[in-house]
Amino acid sequence: MEERHLSEFLFTSEDELKSYSDSFESRARDRFVAFVKELFELGSSDEYRTMFHSDKIVINKRNRRLLDYIEVNAMLDKVEVISLNQEVTQKLIEIIKNEKGFEQVEYDQANSKVTIPLPPMTMNQMLELSNAVIAKEKQIEKNMFAVKAQTGQQIRKGLENEYIDQIDAAKVSKEIDEIIAHYSHHSKLFSIAKREMVMGSFKPKTPEDAELYEQIGPARDVLLGKTMEKPAPEPEPEDMTMVE
């Protein structure tokens, strides 16, 4: 999970941000990306992420580490393994069935992906994970306001030293509030999406939750790893027109 997989959720502005606001947005963005990454990995057992660490296969008559040829993604209900080498894939499936003890293995040849369905969690495990999601949502909110407080101190010093005037300071404050509102909104979307994935359903308790629940589709796709199955958008080419 990288920042490029979250491009549609990041804050953008039609007007250029003031330097204080731009610095704040960068720090807020880092915390938001880290938050989503934590949610993506939450519930993915280390046991499954590291299940192939000691396995070796014979390729071209030489022993090779299996992990040198595959990429493992452990999720709540499944483990997905990407293998671009057909020979490696065949050996991988044999290892999963014969050595790891999984009877059901799904192979998507078009996407070079092997999927191992995992047994369902107990209710206690689901409740524990759901509470962990709520705690992480509260933590990122605290982090955002902590960064806002630090930026506020910088602005006050800037005013004292005349690096910034009152008009620009007011604009910075407005921009920061917009940035916080943006990332707070999207953090809630990801929180609800993850809780629905964990519990199997989500029942909104407030009108705000009901409105947010209608918007969780793209966030759910990210947490399901769907955005990592397609390439990130290429940057727009620079205008190379010659000016005479």
Protein backbone atom coordinates (compact mmCIF):
# COMPACT_ATOMS: atom_id res chain seq x y z
CA MET A 1 0.00 0.00 0.00
CA GLU A 2 1.57 3.26 -1.17
CA GLU A 3 0.47 6.87 -1.50
CA ARG A 4 -0.07 6.44 -5.24
CA HIS A 5 -2.83 3.90 -4.52
CA LEU A 6 -4.74 6.62 -2.63
CA SER A 7 -4.48 9.43 -5.18
CA GLU A 8 -8.25 9.97 -5.41
CA PHE A 9 -8.51 10.46 -1.63
CA LEU A 10 -5.75 13.04 -1.22
CA PHE A 11 -6.43 16.73 -0.69
CA THR A 12 -6.16 19.00 -3.73
CA SER A 13 -6.78 22.71 -4.12
CA GLU A 14 -7.54 24.79 -7.19
CA ASP A 15 -5.49 27.63 -5.73
CA GLU A 16 -1.89 27.33 -4.61
CA LEU A 17 -1.68 26.80 -0.86
CA LYS A 18 0.25 29.15 1.38
CA SER A 19 3.58 27.70 2.51
CA TYR A 20 2.33 27.01 6.06
CA SER A 21 -0.76 25.28 4.69
CA ASP A 22 1.25 23.30 2.17
CA SER A 23 3.58 22.07 4.91
CA PHE A 24 0.59 21.13 7.05
CA GLU A 25 -1.06 19.25 4.18
CA SER A 26 2.10 17.24 3.57
CA ARG A 27 2.24 16.14 7.20
CA ALA A 28 -1.52 15.46 7.31
CA ARG A 29 -1.25 13.43 4.11
CA ASP A 30 1.54 11.28 5.58
CA ARG A 31 -0.60 10.50 8.60
CA PHE A 32 -3.64 9.70 6.46
CA VAL A 33 -1.67 7.33 4.22
CA ALA A 34 -0.20 5.62 7.29
CA PHE A 35 -3.72 5.30 8.77
CA VAL A 36 -5.11 3.63 5.64
CA LYS A 37 -2.10 1.31 5.45
CA GLU A 38 -2.67 0.27 9.08
CA LEU A 39 -6.33 -0.46 8.35
CA PHE A 40 -5.36 -2.44 5.26
CA GLU A 41 -2.99 -4.62 7.30
CA LEU A 42 -5.20 -4.84 10.41
CA GLY A 43 -6.31 -8.42 10.94
CA SER A 44 -3.70 -9.84 8.58
CA SER A 45 -1.93 -12.38 10.74
CA ASP A 46 1.87 -12.33 10.71
CA GLU A 47 1.60 -16.10 10.55
CA TYR A 48 0.15 -15.87 7.06
CA ARG A 49 2.35 -13.00 5.88
CA THR A 50 5.45 -15.01 6.75
CA MET A 51 4.18 -18.48 5.88
CA PHE A 52 6.63 -18.93 2.97
CA HIS A 53 9.75 -17.42 4.58
CA SER A 54 11.61 -20.72 4.95
CA ASP A 55 10.43 -22.40 1.76
CA LYS A 56 12.75 -23.18 -1.13
CA ILE A 57 12.09 -24.42 -4.65
CA VAL A 58 14.29 -25.86 -7.37
CA ILE A 59 14.57 -23.60 -10.42
CA ASN A 60 17.04 -24.43 -13.20
CA LYS A 61 18.45 -27.20 -11.00
CA ARG A 62 19.30 -24.74 -8.22
CA ASN A 63 17.68 -24.16 -4.82
CA ARG A 64 16.01 -20.76 -4.65
CA ARG A 65 14.06 -18.90 -1.96
CA LEU A 66 10.38 -19.01 -2.86
CA LEU A 67 9.93 -15.43 -1.61
CA ASP A 68 12.33 -14.22 -4.31
CA TYR A 69 9.64 -15.07 -6.88
CA ILE A 70 6.36 -14.19 -5.17
CA GLU A 71 4.54 -11.34 -3.43
CA VAL A 72 2.30 -12.21 -0.47
CA ASN A 73 -0.74 -10.19 0.69
CA ALA A 74 -2.53 -11.44 3.82
CA MET A 75 -6.09 -10.14 4.32
CA LEU A 76 -8.95 -10.79 6.71
CA ASP A 77 -10.47 -13.67 4.80
CA LYS A 78 -7.75 -14.76 2.39
CA VAL A 79 -4.10 -14.77 1.42
CA GLU A 80 -3.26 -13.60 -2.09
CA VAL A 81 0.04 -14.58 -3.70
CA ILE A 82 1.27 -13.04 -6.95
CA SER A 83 3.57 -15.28 -9.00
CA LEU A 84 4.63 -14.26 -12.51
CA ASN A 85 6.52 -17.48 -13.24
CA GLN A 86 4.38 -20.46 -14.29
CA GLU A 87 6.88 -23.02 -13.00
CA VAL A 88 7.04 -21.22 -9.65
CA THR A 89 3.24 -21.07 -9.51
CA GLN A 90 2.91 -24.84 -9.92
CA LYS A 91 5.45 -25.47 -7.15
CA LEU A 92 3.76 -22.83 -4.98
CA ILE A 93 0.36 -24.54 -5.24
CA GLU A 94 1.96 -27.89 -4.36
CA ILE A 95 3.57 -26.34 -1.26
CA ILE A 96 0.29 -24.71 -0.18
CA LYS A 97 -1.64 -27.98 -0.46
CA ASN A 98 0.96 -30.54 0.61
CA GLU A 99 3.03 -28.64 3.19
CA LYS A 100 0.81 -25.83 4.47
CA GLY A 101 -2.33 -27.96 4.74
CA PHE A 102 -4.76 -25.81 2.76
CA GLU A 103 -7.12 -27.95 0.69
CA GLN A 104 -8.81 -25.09 -1.17
CA VAL A 105 -6.60 -23.04 -3.49
CA GLU A 106 -7.85 -20.75 -6.27
CA TYR A 107 -5.67 -19.84 -9.25
CA ASP A 108 -6.41 -16.80 -11.41
CA GLN A 109 -4.08 -17.32 -14.36
CA ALA A 110 -5.04 -14.05 -16.07
CA ASN A 111 -3.80 -12.04 -13.07
CA SER A 112 -1.02 -14.49 -12.05
CA LYS A 113 -2.69 -14.72 -8.64
CA VAL A 114 -3.08 -17.64 -6.23
CA THR A 115 -5.73 -17.18 -3.51
CA ILE A 116 -5.94 -19.15 -0.25
CA PRO A 117 -9.34 -18.72 1.52
CA LEU A 118 -8.94 -18.44 5.31
CA PRO A 119 -11.28 -19.81 8.02
CA PRO A 120 -13.78 -17.27 9.45
CA MET A 121 -12.94 -15.32 12.61
CA THR A 122 -14.74 -15.82 15.90
CA MET A 123 -17.16 -13.12 17.12
CA ASN A 124 -14.68 -12.04 19.82
CA GLN A 125 -11.96 -11.64 17.20
CA MET A 126 -14.28 -9.57 15.01
CA LEU A 127 -15.32 -7.29 17.89
CA GLU A 128 -11.70 -6.82 18.92
CA LEU A 129 -10.72 -5.79 15.39
CA SER A 130 -13.72 -3.48 15.04
CA ASN A 131 -12.77 -1.71 18.28
CA ALA A 132 -9.19 -1.41 17.05
CA VAL A 133 -10.46 0.34 13.90
CA ILE A 134 -12.43 2.85 15.99
CA ALA A 135 -9.35 3.51 18.14
CA LYS A 136 -7.23 4.17 15.07
CA GLU A 137 -9.85 6.58 13.70
CA LYS A 138 -9.79 8.54 16.97
CA GLN A 139 -5.99 8.52 16.96
CA ILE A 140 -5.64 10.03 13.48
CA GLU A 141 -8.09 12.78 14.50
CA LYS A 142 -5.89 13.57 17.51
CA ASN A 143 -2.81 13.51 15.28
CA MET A 144 -4.36 16.00 12.84
CA PHE A 145 -5.16 18.49 15.60
CA ALA A 146 -1.71 18.01 17.13
CA VAL A 147 -0.14 18.97 13.80
CA LYS A 148 -2.56 21.91 13.59
CA ALA A 149 -1.40 23.11 17.03
CA GLN A 150 2.25 22.87 15.96
CA THR A 151 1.50 24.82 12.79
CA GLY A 152 -0.36 27.42 14.87
CA GLN A 153 2.77 27.98 16.95
CA GLN A 154 4.80 28.45 13.77
CA ILE A 155 2.28 30.99 12.47
CA ARG A 156 2.38 32.97 15.74
CA LYS A 157 6.17 33.13 15.52
CA GLY A 158 5.85 34.17 11.89
CA LEU A 159 3.54 37.02 12.90
CA GLU A 160 5.93 38.13 15.64
CA ASN A 161 8.86 38.16 13.22
CA GLU A 162 6.75 39.66 10.42
CA TYR A 163 7.28 36.65 8.10
CA ILE A 164 3.51 36.58 7.57
CA ASP A 165 0.76 39.20 7.97
CA GLN A 166 -2.67 38.89 9.57
CA ILE A 167 -4.50 38.52 6.25
CA ASP A 168 -2.33 35.61 5.11
CA ALA A 169 -2.48 34.05 8.59
CA ALA A 170 -6.28 34.06 8.39
CA LYS A 171 -6.13 32.44 4.95
CA VAL A 172 -3.75 29.77 6.25
CA SER A 173 -6.12 29.01 9.13
CA LYS A 174 -9.01 28.57 6.69
CA GLU A 175 -6.94 26.32 4.41
CA ILE A 176 -5.85 24.15 7.33
CA ASP A 177 -9.47 23.72 8.47
CA GLU A 178 -10.38 22.62 4.92
CA ILE A 179 -7.52 20.09 4.89
CA ILE A 180 -8.55 18.67 8.27
CA ALA A 181 -12.18 18.41 7.17
CA HIS A 182 -11.11 16.57 4.00
CA TYR A 183 -8.93 13.98 5.74
CA SER A 184 -11.37 13.59 8.64
CA HIS A 185 -14.17 12.81 6.17
CA HIS A 186 -12.12 10.23 4.29
CA SER A 187 -10.76 8.68 7.49
CA LYS A 188 -14.35 8.05 8.59
CA LEU A 189 -15.14 6.45 5.22
CA PHE A 190 -12.21 4.05 5.58
CA SER A 191 -13.12 3.32 9.20
CA ILE A 192 -16.71 2.40 8.31
CA ALA A 193 -15.58 0.33 5.31
CA LYS A 194 -13.12 -1.64 7.44
CA ARG A 195 -15.65 -2.24 10.20
CA GLU A 196 -18.16 -3.53 7.66
CA MET A 197 -15.50 -5.86 6.24
CA VAL A 198 -14.65 -7.16 9.72
CA MET A 199 -18.20 -7.62 11.01
CA GLY A 200 -19.85 -8.53 7.72
CA SER A 201 -22.31 -5.63 8.00
CA PHE A 202 -22.59 -2.07 9.31
CA LYS A 203 -25.61 -0.45 10.95
CA PRO A 204 -25.38 3.38 11.01
CA LYS A 205 -26.20 4.85 14.42
CA THR A 206 -26.39 8.50 13.33
CA PRO A 207 -27.58 10.38 10.23
CA GLU A 208 -23.94 11.28 9.54
CA ASP A 209 -22.93 7.60 9.61
CA ALA A 210 -25.82 6.74 7.29
CA GLU A 211 -24.70 9.40 4.81
CA LEU A 212 -21.07 8.27 5.02
CA TYR A 213 -22.03 4.62 4.60
CA GLU A 214 -23.47 5.38 1.17
CA GLN A 215 -20.02 6.62 0.08
CA ILE A 216 -17.69 3.84 1.25
CA GLY A 217 -17.44 1.96 -2.06
CA PRO A 218 -14.08 3.39 -3.24
CA ALA A 219 -12.58 3.09 0.26
CA ARG A 220 -13.73 -0.54 0.46
CA ASP A 221 -12.05 -1.25 -2.88
CA VAL A 222 -8.76 0.10 -1.52
CA LEU A 223 -8.99 -2.04 1.63
CA LEU A 224 -9.77 -5.08 -0.52
CA GLY A 225 -6.58 -4.44 -2.49
CA LYS A 226 -8.39 -3.74 -5.76
CA THR A 227 -6.51 -0.51 -6.44
CA MET A 228 -3.22 -2.40 -6.31
CA GLU A 229 -4.34 -4.78 -9.06
CA LYS A 230 -4.28 -2.02 -11.66
CA PRO A 231 -1.38 0.32 -12.45
CA ALA A 232 -1.33 3.76 -10.91
CA PRO A 233 -2.14 6.62 -13.30
CA GLU A 234 0.85 7.90 -15.23
CA PRO A 235 1.83 11.53 -14.63
CA GLU A 236 0.72 13.94 -17.31
CA PRO A 237 3.46 14.66 -19.86
CA GLU A 238 5.11 18.04 -19.66
CA ASP A 239 4.29 20.58 -22.34
CA MET A 240 7.36 20.59 -24.58
CA THR A 241 6.02 23.21 -27.00
CA MET A 242 8.78 25.54 -28.16
CA VAL A 243 8.16 29.21 -27.53
CA GLU A 244 9.76 31.58 -30.02
